[in-house]
């Protein structure tokens, strides 16, 4: 074993002094400007607030039958208040009579139509989607004080529509809230014999299901056979139950809905006839023209230019 004196320490091999390291200040980091990604979070555009709107029946009909008689629906609940006259009303494919002082509530998307004569007066109230029944309701109001109360509440909403004042939207919303409470209380107090029941039989329920499908899909060129298959019945059976419920064949209900849409688009928009044909559920513009002339006696273009 070598002696301690003969060993060379590692430290003896190192230089006596270490090089000095000079610490230089770090260069200041320049931060890149922050980029704003405006498209990453697009701010949602607020929807306009829906408030109740009142329109007279005479103004809606404008003296032409298709404005009220042809099947249609609204994207919001509707209250129809007949104050004078009588006629027939079809709700979800089920027909019945209405008379003076009939209040008819229709949930959003309910297909309906009613006949109007010059003697019929009343109002249509388009409502907001708040605190209203989920099923159609037809009340025949007998007591005079109920006529006055309902007319007064509808008149109050209509007055607010015509003024330009602060709080107008809030005032209409409060009036509608009172109207919905009044309607609930009146329905609860009205004898069942004074409430028209549109779901009293299997035929009525099947007809209602059919009209709901029509309202959803009428803009597609589908026939009665398609709807019957969706409901699990034959076209013949569907036609038979529609006649029992409404006095009209299934094809008539479907054609009526498409005809109303075509009339509305022809009168209320500047869309081309070919575009209207497509949006109304017709397979081609030529077929649309033939079907429209068969129902109205006029071509689509002739109808558009009539008053």
C-alpha atoms as a PDB file:
ATOM      1  CA  UNK A   1       0.000   0.000   0.000  1.00  0.00           C
ATOM      2  CA  UNK A   2       1.572   3.347  -0.953  1.00  0.00           C
ATOM      3  CA  UNK A   3       2.396   5.764   1.764  1.00  0.00           C
ATOM      4  CA  UNK A   4       0.442   8.869   2.380  1.00  0.00           C
ATOM      5  CA  UNK A   5       3.365  10.987   1.238  1.00  0.00           C
ATOM      6  CA  UNK A   6       3.511   9.357  -2.159  1.00  0.00           C
ATOM      7  CA  UNK A   7      -0.171  10.074  -2.895  1.00  0.00           C
ATOM      8  CA  UNK A   8      -0.993  13.112  -4.942  1.00  0.00           C
ATOM      9  CA  UNK A   9      -4.175  14.822  -3.885  1.00  0.00           C
ATOM     10  CA  UNK A  10      -6.572  15.776  -6.516  1.00  0.00           C
ATOM     11  CA  UNK A  11      -6.597  19.229  -5.135  1.00  0.00           C
ATOM     12  CA  UNK A  12      -2.894  19.535  -5.866  1.00  0.00           C
ATOM     13  CA  UNK A  13      -3.603  19.183  -9.552  1.00  0.00           C
ATOM     14  CA  UNK A  14      -6.122  22.046  -9.637  1.00  0.00           C
ATOM     15  CA  UNK A  15      -4.949  25.535 -10.321  1.00  0.00           C
ATOM     16  CA  UNK A  16      -4.510  27.636  -7.279  1.00  0.00           C
ATOM     17  CA  UNK A  17      -7.099  30.208  -8.378  1.00  0.00           C
ATOM     18  CA  UNK A  18     -10.407  29.838 -10.170  1.00  0.00           C
ATOM     19  CA  UNK A  19     -11.360  32.151 -13.000  1.00  0.00           C
ATOM     20  CA  UNK A  20     -13.623  34.877 -11.969  1.00  0.00           C
ATOM     21  CA  UNK A  21     -17.112  34.807 -13.393  1.00  0.00           C
ATOM     22  CA  UNK A  22     -18.657  38.154 -13.955  1.00  0.00           C
ATOM     23  CA  UNK A  23     -22.441  38.216 -13.565  1.00  0.00           C
ATOM     24  CA  UNK A  24     -23.913  40.442 -16.204  1.00  0.00           C
ATOM     25  CA  UNK A  25     -27.389  41.884 -15.830  1.00  0.00           C
ATOM     26  CA  UNK A  26     -30.009  39.894 -17.743  1.00  0.00           C
ATOM     27  CA  UNK A  27     -31.369  41.546 -20.788  1.00  0.00           C
ATOM     28  CA  UNK A  28     -34.859  42.827 -20.217  1.00  0.00           C
ATOM     29  CA  UNK A  29     -37.398  40.551 -21.917  1.00  0.00           C
ATOM     30  CA  UNK A  30     -39.678  42.349 -24.252  1.00  0.00           C
ATOM     31  CA  UNK A  31     -43.180  41.004 -24.021  1.00  0.00           C
ATOM     32  CA  UNK A  32     -45.000  40.619 -27.279  1.00  0.00           C
ATOM     33  CA  UNK A  33     -48.177  42.625 -27.383  1.00  0.00           C
ATOM     34  CA  UNK A  34     -51.161  40.542 -26.294  1.00  0.00           C
ATOM     35  CA  UNK A  35     -53.417  39.575 -29.131  1.00  0.00           C
ATOM     36  CA  UNK A  36     -57.111  39.772 -28.617  1.00  0.00           C
ATOM     37  CA  UNK A  37     -59.038  36.925 -30.186  1.00  0.00           C
ATOM     38  CA  UNK A  38     -62.365  38.635 -30.635  1.00  0.00           C
ATOM     39  CA  UNK A  39     -63.808  35.736 -32.518  1.00  0.00           C
ATOM     40  CA  UNK A  40     -63.095  33.267 -29.710  1.00  0.00           C
ATOM     41  CA  UNK A  41     -66.035  34.421 -27.607  1.00  0.00           C
ATOM     42  CA  UNK A  42     -68.721  35.980 -29.684  1.00  0.00           C
ATOM     43  CA  UNK A  43     -71.196  37.824 -27.556  1.00  0.00           C
ATOM     44  CA  UNK A  44     -74.700  36.467 -27.993  1.00  0.00           C
ATOM     45  CA  UNK A  45     -77.126  38.879 -29.596  1.00  0.00           C
ATOM     46  CA  UNK A  46     -80.004  39.394 -27.171  1.00  0.00           C
ATOM     47  CA  UNK A  47     -83.398  38.340 -28.414  1.00  0.00           C
ATOM     48  CA  UNK A  48     -86.106  40.946 -28.513  1.00  0.00           C
ATOM     49  CA  UNK A  49     -88.458  40.672 -25.574  1.00  0.00           C
ATOM     50  CA  UNK A  50     -91.834  39.261 -26.571  1.00  0.00           C
ATOM     51  CA  UNK A  51     -94.817  41.161 -25.266  1.00  0.00           C
ATOM     52  CA  UNK A  52     -98.531  40.683 -25.791  1.00  0.00           C
ATOM     53  CA  UNK A  53     -99.951  42.173 -28.993  1.00  0.00           C
ATOM     54  CA  UNK A  54    -103.629  42.798 -29.750  1.00  0.00           C
ATOM     55  CA  UNK A  55    -105.111  42.786 -33.266  1.00  0.00           C
ATOM     56  CA  UNK A  56    -108.773  42.946 -34.213  1.00  0.00           C
ATOM     57  CA  UNK A  57    -110.258  39.981 -36.060  1.00  0.00           C
ATOM     58  CA  UNK A  58    -111.483  42.269 -38.835  1.00  0.00           C
ATOM     59  CA  UNK A  59    -107.954  43.566 -39.371  1.00  0.00           C
ATOM     60  CA  UNK A  60    -106.507  40.047 -39.525  1.00  0.00           C
ATOM     61  CA  UNK A  61    -109.115  38.819 -42.008  1.00  0.00           C
ATOM     62  CA  UNK A  62    -108.790  41.903 -44.264  1.00  0.00           C
ATOM     63  CA  UNK A  63    -112.004  40.848 -45.948  1.00  0.00           C
ATOM     64  CA  UNK A  64    -110.509  37.645 -47.409  1.00  0.00           C
ATOM     65  CA  UNK A  65    -111.376  34.164 -46.159  1.00  0.00           C
ATOM     66  CA  UNK A  66    -107.940  32.530 -46.361  1.00  0.00           C
ATOM     67  CA  UNK A  67    -106.514  34.894 -43.726  1.00  0.00           C
ATOM     68  CA  UNK A  68    -108.529  33.156 -40.994  1.00  0.00           C
ATOM     69  CA  UNK A  69    -110.064  29.990 -42.455  1.00  0.00           C
ATOM     70  CA  UNK A  70    -106.951  28.281 -43.827  1.00  0.00           C
ATOM     71  CA  UNK A  71    -105.021  26.166 -41.319  1.00  0.00           C
ATOM     72  CA  UNK A  72    -102.065  27.884 -39.675  1.00  0.00           C
ATOM     73  CA  UNK A  73    -100.287  28.234 -36.337  1.00  0.00           C
ATOM     74  CA  UNK A  74     -98.281  30.858 -34.462  1.00  0.00           C
ATOM     75  CA  UNK A  75     -94.914  30.518 -32.758  1.00  0.00           C
ATOM     76  CA  UNK A  76     -96.398  31.911 -29.537  1.00  0.00           C
ATOM     77  CA  UNK A  77     -99.597  31.344 -27.526  1.00  0.00           C
ATOM     78  CA  UNK A  78    -102.768  33.018 -28.801  1.00  0.00           C
ATOM     79  CA  UNK A  79    -106.026  34.070 -27.135  1.00  0.00           C
ATOM     80  CA  UNK A  80    -108.996  34.669 -29.452  1.00  0.00           C
ATOM     81  CA  UNK A  81    -111.901  36.607 -27.928  1.00  0.00           C
ATOM     82  CA  UNK A  82    -115.084  36.544 -30.015  1.00  0.00           C
ATOM     83  CA  UNK A  83    -117.372  39.342 -28.833  1.00  0.00           C
ATOM     84  CA  UNK A  84    -120.037  39.100 -31.563  1.00  0.00           C
ATOM     85  CA  UNK A  85    -121.145  36.694 -34.282  1.00  0.00           C
ATOM     86  CA  UNK A  86    -120.741  32.969 -34.722  1.00  0.00           C
ATOM     87  CA  UNK A  87    -118.988  30.448 -36.931  1.00  0.00           C
ATOM     88  CA  UNK A  88    -116.890  27.312 -37.025  1.00  0.00           C
ATOM     89  CA  UNK A  89    -113.413  26.902 -35.555  1.00  0.00           C
ATOM     90  CA  UNK A  90    -111.002  24.035 -36.184  1.00  0.00           C
ATOM     91  CA  UNK A  91    -108.361  23.319 -33.553  1.00  0.00           C
ATOM     92  CA  UNK A  92    -105.764  20.603 -34.208  1.00  0.00           C
ATOM     93  CA  UNK A  93    -108.030  19.155 -36.881  1.00  0.00           C
ATOM     94  CA  UNK A  94    -111.130  19.045 -34.639  1.00  0.00           C
ATOM     95  CA  UNK A  95    -114.024  21.292 -35.657  1.00  0.00           C
ATOM     96  CA  UNK A  96    -116.740  22.865 -33.537  1.00  0.00           C
ATOM     97  CA  UNK A  97    -118.863  25.964 -33.275  1.00  0.00           C
ATOM     98  CA  UNK A  98    -118.104  29.272 -31.621  1.00  0.00           C
ATOM     99  CA  UNK A  99    -120.438  32.070 -30.705  1.00  0.00           C
ATOM    100  CA  UNK A 100    -120.424  35.478 -29.086  1.00  0.00           C
ATOM    101  CA  UNK A 101    -118.404  35.616 -25.863  1.00  0.00           C
ATOM    102  CA  UNK A 102    -116.237  32.596 -26.669  1.00  0.00           C
ATOM    103  CA  UNK A 103    -112.655  32.754 -25.405  1.00  0.00           C
ATOM    104  CA  UNK A 104    -110.312  30.341 -27.184  1.00  0.00           C
ATOM    105  CA  UNK A 105    -106.751  29.801 -25.990  1.00  0.00           C
ATOM    106  CA  UNK A 106    -104.239  28.081 -28.292  1.00  0.00           C
ATOM    107  CA  UNK A 107    -100.709  27.061 -27.220  1.00  0.00           C
ATOM    108  CA  UNK A 108     -97.829  27.908 -29.532  1.00  0.00           C
ATOM    109  CA  UNK A 109     -97.722  25.687 -32.612  1.00  0.00           C
ATOM    110  CA  UNK A 110    -101.411  24.718 -32.500  1.00  0.00           C
ATOM    111  CA  UNK A 111    -102.851  24.424 -36.001  1.00  0.00           C
ATOM    112  CA  UNK A 112    -106.193  26.198 -36.284  1.00  0.00           C
ATOM    113  CA  UNK A 113    -108.551  28.143 -38.506  1.00  0.00           C
ATOM    114  CA  UNK A 114    -111.974  29.746 -38.134  1.00  0.00           C
ATOM    115  CA  UNK A 115    -114.692  31.092 -40.372  1.00  0.00           C
ATOM    116  CA  UNK A 116    -115.460  34.802 -40.298  1.00  0.00           C
ATOM    117  CA  UNK A 117    -118.488  36.732 -41.520  1.00  0.00           C
ATOM    118  CA  UNK A 118    -118.978  40.523 -41.464  1.00  0.00           C
ATOM    119  CA  UNK A 119    -120.980  40.050 -38.254  1.00  0.00           C
ATOM    120  CA  UNK A 120    -118.009  38.535 -36.369  1.00  0.00           C
ATOM    121  CA  UNK A 121    -116.132  40.920 -34.079  1.00  0.00           C
ATOM    122  CA  UNK A 122    -113.400  40.324 -31.549  1.00  0.00           C
ATOM    123  CA  UNK A 123    -109.674  40.355 -30.881  1.00  0.00           C
ATOM    124  CA  UNK A 124    -106.651  38.094 -31.296  1.00  0.00           C
ATOM    125  CA  UNK A 125    -104.037  38.476 -28.561  1.00  0.00           C
ATOM    126  CA  UNK A 126    -100.579  37.097 -29.306  1.00  0.00           C
ATOM    127  CA  UNK A 127     -99.098  36.294 -25.916  1.00  0.00           C
ATOM    128  CA  UNK A 128     -95.646  35.712 -24.507  1.00  0.00           C
ATOM    129  CA  UNK A 129     -94.698  32.211 -23.354  1.00  0.00           C
ATOM    130  CA  UNK A 130     -95.519  32.642 -19.665  1.00  0.00           C
ATOM    131  CA  UNK A 131     -97.947  30.978 -17.277  1.00  0.00           C
ATOM    132  CA  UNK A 132    -100.478  29.824 -19.848  1.00  0.00           C
ATOM    133  CA  UNK A 133    -102.135  26.397 -20.250  1.00  0.00           C
ATOM    134  CA  UNK A 134    -100.312  23.700 -22.204  1.00  0.00           C
ATOM    135  CA  UNK A 135    -103.501  22.496 -23.954  1.00  0.00           C
ATOM    136  CA  UNK A 136    -106.136  24.325 -26.033  1.00  0.00           C
ATOM    137  CA  UNK A 137    -109.022  25.778 -24.018  1.00  0.00           C
ATOM    138  CA  UNK A 138    -112.415  26.931 -25.335  1.00  0.00           C
ATOM    139  CA  UNK A 139    -114.556  28.772 -22.782  1.00  0.00           C
ATOM    140  CA  UNK A 140    -118.121  29.880 -23.416  1.00  0.00           C
ATOM    141  CA  UNK A 141    -118.618  32.783 -21.026  1.00  0.00           C
ATOM    142  CA  UNK A 142    -122.221  33.401 -19.994  1.00  0.00           C
ATOM    143  CA  UNK A 143    -121.951  36.042 -17.289  1.00  0.00           C
ATOM    144  CA  UNK A 144    -121.880  39.711 -18.288  1.00  0.00           C
ATOM    145  CA  UNK A 145    -119.281  40.705 -15.711  1.00  0.00           C
ATOM    146  CA  UNK A 146    -116.831  38.188 -17.237  1.00  0.00           C
ATOM    147  CA  UNK A 147    -117.363  39.730 -20.683  1.00  0.00           C
ATOM    148  CA  UNK A 148    -116.546  43.165 -19.292  1.00  0.00           C
ATOM    149  CA  UNK A 149    -113.504  41.987 -17.352  1.00  0.00           C
ATOM    150  CA  UNK A 150    -111.914  40.192 -20.300  1.00  0.00           C
ATOM    151  CA  UNK A 151    -112.670  43.015 -22.729  1.00  0.00           C
ATOM    152  CA  UNK A 152    -111.257  45.542 -20.266  1.00  0.00           C
ATOM    153  CA  UNK A 153    -107.972  43.661 -19.826  1.00  0.00           C
ATOM    154  CA  UNK A 154    -107.487  43.240 -23.573  1.00  0.00           C
ATOM    155  CA  UNK A 155    -108.297  46.937 -24.119  1.00  0.00           C
ATOM    156  CA  UNK A 156    -105.671  47.868 -21.507  1.00  0.00           C
ATOM    157  CA  UNK A 157    -102.983  45.958 -23.435  1.00  0.00           C
ATOM    158  CA  UNK A 158    -104.092  47.553 -26.696  1.00  0.00           C
ATOM    159  CA  UNK A 159    -103.931  51.059 -25.179  1.00  0.00           C
ATOM    160  CA  UNK A 160    -100.341  50.484 -24.060  1.00  0.00           C
ATOM    161  CA  UNK A 161     -99.456  49.429 -27.616  1.00  0.00           C
ATOM    162  CA  UNK A 162    -100.536  52.792 -28.988  1.00  0.00           C
ATOM    163  CA  UNK A 163     -98.676  55.090 -26.593  1.00  0.00           C
ATOM    164  CA  UNK A 164     -95.026  56.086 -26.490  1.00  0.00           C
ATOM    165  CA  UNK A 165     -94.182  56.220 -22.809  1.00  0.00           C
ATOM    166  CA  UNK A 166     -91.514  54.971 -20.431  1.00  0.00           C
ATOM    167  CA  UNK A 167     -92.176  51.528 -19.022  1.00  0.00           C
ATOM    168  CA  UNK A 168     -94.445  50.531 -21.910  1.00  0.00           C
ATOM    169  CA  UNK A 169     -93.033  46.999 -22.225  1.00  0.00           C
ATOM    170  CA  UNK A 170     -93.173  46.452 -18.480  1.00  0.00           C
ATOM    171  CA  UNK A 171     -96.761  47.700 -18.316  1.00  0.00           C
ATOM    172  CA  UNK A 172     -97.866  45.312 -21.074  1.00  0.00           C
ATOM    173  CA  UNK A 173     -96.113  42.426 -19.300  1.00  0.00           C
ATOM    174  CA  UNK A 174     -97.987  43.210 -16.062  1.00  0.00           C
ATOM    175  CA  UNK A 175    -101.318  43.450 -17.881  1.00  0.00           C
ATOM    176  CA  UNK A 176    -100.661  40.077 -19.493  1.00  0.00           C
ATOM    177  CA  UNK A 177     -99.783  38.593 -16.109  1.00  0.00           C
ATOM    178  CA  UNK A 178    -103.124  39.726 -14.718  1.00  0.00           C
ATOM    179  CA  UNK A 179    -104.850  38.347 -17.812  1.00  0.00           C
ATOM    180  CA  UNK A 180    -103.259  34.915 -17.355  1.00  0.00           C
ATOM    181  CA  UNK A 181    -104.333  34.805 -13.688  1.00  0.00           C
ATOM    182  CA  UNK A 182    -107.865  35.835 -14.656  1.00  0.00           C
ATOM    183  CA  UNK A 183    -107.973  33.127 -17.323  1.00  0.00           C
ATOM    184  CA  UNK A 184    -106.812  30.412 -14.904  1.00  0.00           C
ATOM    185  CA  UNK A 185    -109.394  31.420 -12.305  1.00  0.00           C
ATOM    186  CA  UNK A 186    -112.177  31.661 -14.862  1.00  0.00           C
ATOM    187  CA  UNK A 187    -111.357  28.276 -16.351  1.00  0.00           C
ATOM    188  CA  UNK A 188    -111.338  26.678 -12.889  1.00  0.00           C
ATOM    189  CA  UNK A 189    -114.741  28.223 -12.108  1.00  0.00           C
ATOM    190  CA  UNK A 190    -116.342  27.413 -15.486  1.00  0.00           C
ATOM    191  CA  UNK A 191    -118.478  24.231 -15.533  1.00  0.00           C
ATOM    192  CA  UNK A 192    -117.019  21.498 -17.695  1.00  0.00           C
ATOM    193  CA  UNK A 193    -120.181  21.642 -19.829  1.00  0.00           C
ATOM    194  CA  UNK A 194    -119.153  25.166 -20.878  1.00  0.00           C
ATOM    195  CA  UNK A 195    -115.676  24.025 -21.960  1.00  0.00           C
ATOM    196  CA  UNK A 196    -115.316  22.482 -25.394  1.00  0.00           C
ATOM    197  CA  UNK A 197    -113.297  19.257 -25.200  1.00  0.00           C
ATOM    198  CA  UNK A 198    -111.170  18.588 -28.269  1.00  0.00           C
ATOM    199  CA  UNK A 199    -109.825  15.245 -27.023  1.00  0.00           C
ATOM    200  CA  UNK A 200    -112.888  13.211 -26.190  1.00  0.00           C
ATOM    201  CA  UNK A 201    -112.227  10.275 -28.516  1.00  0.00           C
ATOM    202  CA  UNK A 202    -109.503   8.227 -30.149  1.00  0.00           C
ATOM    203  CA  UNK A 203    -110.361   9.789 -33.525  1.00  0.00           C
ATOM    204  CA  UNK A 204    -109.813  13.282 -32.136  1.00  0.00           C
ATOM    205  CA  UNK A 205    -106.504  12.342 -30.549  1.00  0.00           C
ATOM    206  CA  UNK A 206    -105.225  10.784 -33.780  1.00  0.00           C
ATOM    207  CA  UNK A 207    -106.333  13.820 -35.770  1.00  0.00           C
ATOM    208  CA  UNK A 208    -104.514  16.093 -33.349  1.00  0.00           C
ATOM    209  CA  UNK A 209    -101.338  14.018 -33.709  1.00  0.00           C
ATOM    210  CA  UNK A 210    -101.661  14.242 -37.500  1.00  0.00           C
ATOM    211  CA  UNK A 211    -102.044  18.027 -37.500  1.00  0.00           C
ATOM    212  CA  UNK A 212     -99.025  18.373 -35.198  1.00  0.00           C
ATOM    213  CA  UNK A 213     -96.908  16.436 -37.706  1.00  0.00           C
ATOM    214  CA  UNK A 214     -98.307  18.507 -40.575  1.00  0.00           C
ATOM    215  CA  UNK A 215     -97.442  21.735 -38.775  1.00  0.00           C
ATOM    216  CA  UNK A 216     -93.890  20.506 -38.270  1.00  0.00           C
ATOM    217  CA  UNK A 217     -93.232  19.070 -41.743  1.00  0.00           C
ATOM    218  CA  UNK A 218     -95.645  20.703 -44.226  1.00  0.00           C
ATOM    219  CA  UNK A 219     -92.756  22.590 -45.861  1.00  0.00           C
ATOM    220  CA  UNK A 220     -91.383  19.255 -47.123  1.00  0.00           C
ATOM    221  CA  UNK A 221     -93.023  17.551 -50.139  1.00  0.00           C
ATOM    222  CA  UNK A 222     -94.481  14.649 -48.137  1.00  0.00           C
ATOM    223  CA  UNK A 223     -97.853  13.048 -48.755  1.00  0.00           C
ATOM    224  CA  UNK A 224    -100.580  11.604 -46.541  1.00  0.00           C
ATOM    225  CA  UNK A 225     -99.020   8.143 -46.861  1.00  0.00           C
ATOM    226  CA  UNK A 226     -95.879   9.408 -45.092  1.00  0.00           C
ATOM    227  CA  UNK A 227     -97.846  10.896 -42.189  1.00  0.00           C
ATOM    228  CA  UNK A 228     -99.966   7.745 -41.847  1.00  0.00           C
ATOM    229  CA  UNK A 229     -96.801   5.638 -41.609  1.00  0.00           C
ATOM    230  CA  UNK A 230     -95.448   7.967 -38.928  1.00  0.00           C
ATOM    231  CA  UNK A 231     -98.637   7.443 -36.920  1.00  0.00           C
ATOM    232  CA  UNK A 232     -98.714   3.685 -37.481  1.00  0.00           C
ATOM    233  CA  UNK A 233    -102.009   3.624 -39.402  1.00  0.00           C
ATOM    234  CA  UNK A 234    -103.054   3.265 -43.025  1.00  0.00           C
ATOM    235  CA  UNK A 235    -103.810   6.331 -45.167  1.00  0.00           C
ATOM    236  CA  UNK A 236    -107.415   5.150 -45.456  1.00  0.00           C
ATOM    237  CA  UNK A 237    -107.833   4.962 -41.674  1.00  0.00           C
ATOM    238  CA  UNK A 238    -106.212   8.366 -41.199  1.00  0.00           C
ATOM    239  CA  UNK A 239    -108.573   9.925 -43.737  1.00  0.00           C
ATOM    240  CA  UNK A 240    -111.571   8.309 -42.065  1.00  0.00           C
ATOM    241  CA  UNK A 241    -110.738   9.582 -38.556  1.00  0.00           C
ATOM    242  CA  UNK A 242    -109.990  13.088 -39.905  1.00  0.00           C
ATOM    243  CA  UNK A 243    -113.449  13.156 -41.461  1.00  0.00           C
ATOM    244  CA  UNK A 244    -114.989  12.068 -38.146  1.00  0.00           C
ATOM    245  CA  UNK A 245    -113.116  14.752 -36.182  1.00  0.00           C
ATOM    246  CA  UNK A 246    -113.242  17.691 -38.575  1.00  0.00           C
ATOM    247  CA  UNK A 247    -115.443  16.785 -41.525  1.00  0.00           C
ATOM    248  CA  UNK A 248    -112.405  17.033 -43.789  1.00  0.00           C
ATOM    249  CA  UNK A 249    -110.084  14.458 -45.347  1.00  0.00           C
ATOM    250  CA  UNK A 250    -106.444  14.245 -44.269  1.00  0.00           C
ATOM    251  CA  UNK A 251    -105.317  15.446 -47.707  1.00  0.00           C
ATOM    252  CA  UNK A 252    -107.574  18.509 -47.418  1.00  0.00           C
ATOM    253  CA  UNK A 253    -106.007  19.453 -44.059  1.00  0.00           C
ATOM    254  CA  UNK A 254    -102.492  19.079 -45.495  1.00  0.00           C
ATOM    255  CA  UNK A 255    -103.331  20.995 -48.689  1.00  0.00           C
ATOM    256  CA  UNK A 256    -105.026  23.760 -46.704  1.00  0.00           C
ATOM    257  CA  UNK A 257    -101.948  24.317 -44.551  1.00  0.00           C
ATOM    258  CA  UNK A 258     -99.691  24.558 -47.580  1.00  0.00           C
ATOM    259  CA  UNK A 259    -102.124  26.849 -49.371  1.00  0.00           C
ATOM    260  CA  UNK A 260    -102.208  29.270 -46.430  1.00  0.00           C
ATOM    261  CA  UNK A 261     -98.406  29.406 -46.308  1.00  0.00           C
ATOM    262  CA  UNK A 262     -98.245  30.082 -50.034  1.00  0.00           C
ATOM    263  CA  UNK A 263    -100.888  32.836 -49.809  1.00  0.00           C
ATOM    264  CA  UNK A 264     -99.092  34.464 -46.894  1.00  0.00           C
ATOM    265  CA  UNK A 265     -95.727  34.458 -48.656  1.00  0.00           C
ATOM    266  CA  UNK A 266     -97.229  35.752 -51.914  1.00  0.00           C
ATOM    267  CA  UNK A 267     -98.965  38.668 -50.191  1.00  0.00           C
ATOM    268  CA  UNK A 268     -96.510  39.519 -47.428  1.00  0.00           C
ATOM    269  CA  UNK A 269     -93.095  38.942 -49.075  1.00  0.00           C
ATOM    270  CA  UNK A 270     -91.292  39.593 -52.365  1.00  0.00           C
ATOM    271  CA  UNK A 271     -89.957  36.038 -52.687  1.00  0.00           C
ATOM    272  CA  UNK A 272     -89.897  34.494 -56.143  1.00  0.00           C
ATOM    273  CA  UNK A 273     -92.741  32.096 -56.953  1.00  0.00           C
ATOM    274  CA  UNK A 274     -90.298  29.202 -57.284  1.00  0.00           C
ATOM    275  CA  UNK A 275     -88.917  29.910 -53.804  1.00  0.00           C
ATOM    276  CA  UNK A 276     -92.431  30.106 -52.363  1.00  0.00           C
ATOM    277  CA  UNK A 277     -93.274  26.761 -53.956  1.00  0.00           C
ATOM    278  CA  UNK A 278     -90.290  25.171 -52.242  1.00  0.00           C
ATOM    279  CA  UNK A 279     -90.986  26.742 -48.830  1.00  0.00           C
ATOM    280  CA  UNK A 280     -94.656  25.729 -48.979  1.00  0.00           C
ATOM    281  CA  UNK A 281     -93.927  22.048 -49.528  1.00  0.00           C
ATOM    282  CA  UNK A 282     -94.550  21.677 -53.277  1.00  0.00           C
ATOM    283  CA  UNK A 283     -92.284  19.380 -55.270  1.00  0.00           C
ATOM    284  CA  UNK A 284     -91.912  21.773 -58.212  1.00  0.00           C
ATOM    285  CA  UNK A 285     -93.008  25.261 -59.315  1.00  0.00           C
ATOM    286  CA  UNK A 286     -95.158  23.745 -62.062  1.00  0.00           C
ATOM    287  CA  UNK A 287     -97.045  21.521 -59.609  1.00  0.00           C
ATOM    288  CA  UNK A 288     -97.398  24.478 -57.242  1.00  0.00           C
ATOM    289  CA  UNK A 289     -98.985  26.615 -59.975  1.00  0.00           C
ATOM    290  CA  UNK A 290    -101.474  23.879 -60.897  1.00  0.00           C
ATOM    291  CA  UNK A 291    -102.433  23.186 -57.280  1.00  0.00           C
ATOM    292  CA  UNK A 292    -102.744  26.874 -56.428  1.00  0.00           C
ATOM    293  CA  UNK A 293    -104.962  27.607 -59.429  1.00  0.00           C
ATOM    294  CA  UNK A 294    -107.143  24.604 -58.611  1.00  0.00           C
ATOM    295  CA  UNK A 295    -107.743  25.906 -55.070  1.00  0.00           C
ATOM    296  CA  UNK A 296    -108.025  29.653 -55.659  1.00  0.00           C
ATOM    297  CA  UNK A 297    -108.950  30.021 -59.320  1.00  0.00           C
ATOM    298  CA  UNK A 298    -105.883  32.210 -59.876  1.00  0.00           C
ATOM    299  CA  UNK A 299    -102.242  31.611 -60.676  1.00  0.00           C
ATOM    300  CA  UNK A 300     -99.752  32.551 -57.936  1.00  0.00           C
ATOM    301  CA  UNK A 301     -98.719  35.679 -59.850  1.00  0.00           C
ATOM    302  CA  UNK A 302    -102.329  36.750 -60.431  1.00  0.00           C
ATOM    303  CA  UNK A 303    -103.122  36.220 -56.750  1.00  0.00           C
ATOM    304  CA  UNK A 304    -100.108  38.291 -55.702  1.00  0.00           C
ATOM    305  CA  UNK A 305    -101.378  41.307 -57.642  1.00  0.00           C
ATOM    306  CA  UNK A 306    -104.980  41.168 -56.459  1.00  0.00           C
ATOM    307  CA  UNK A 307    -106.152  43.242 -53.537  1.00  0.00           C
END
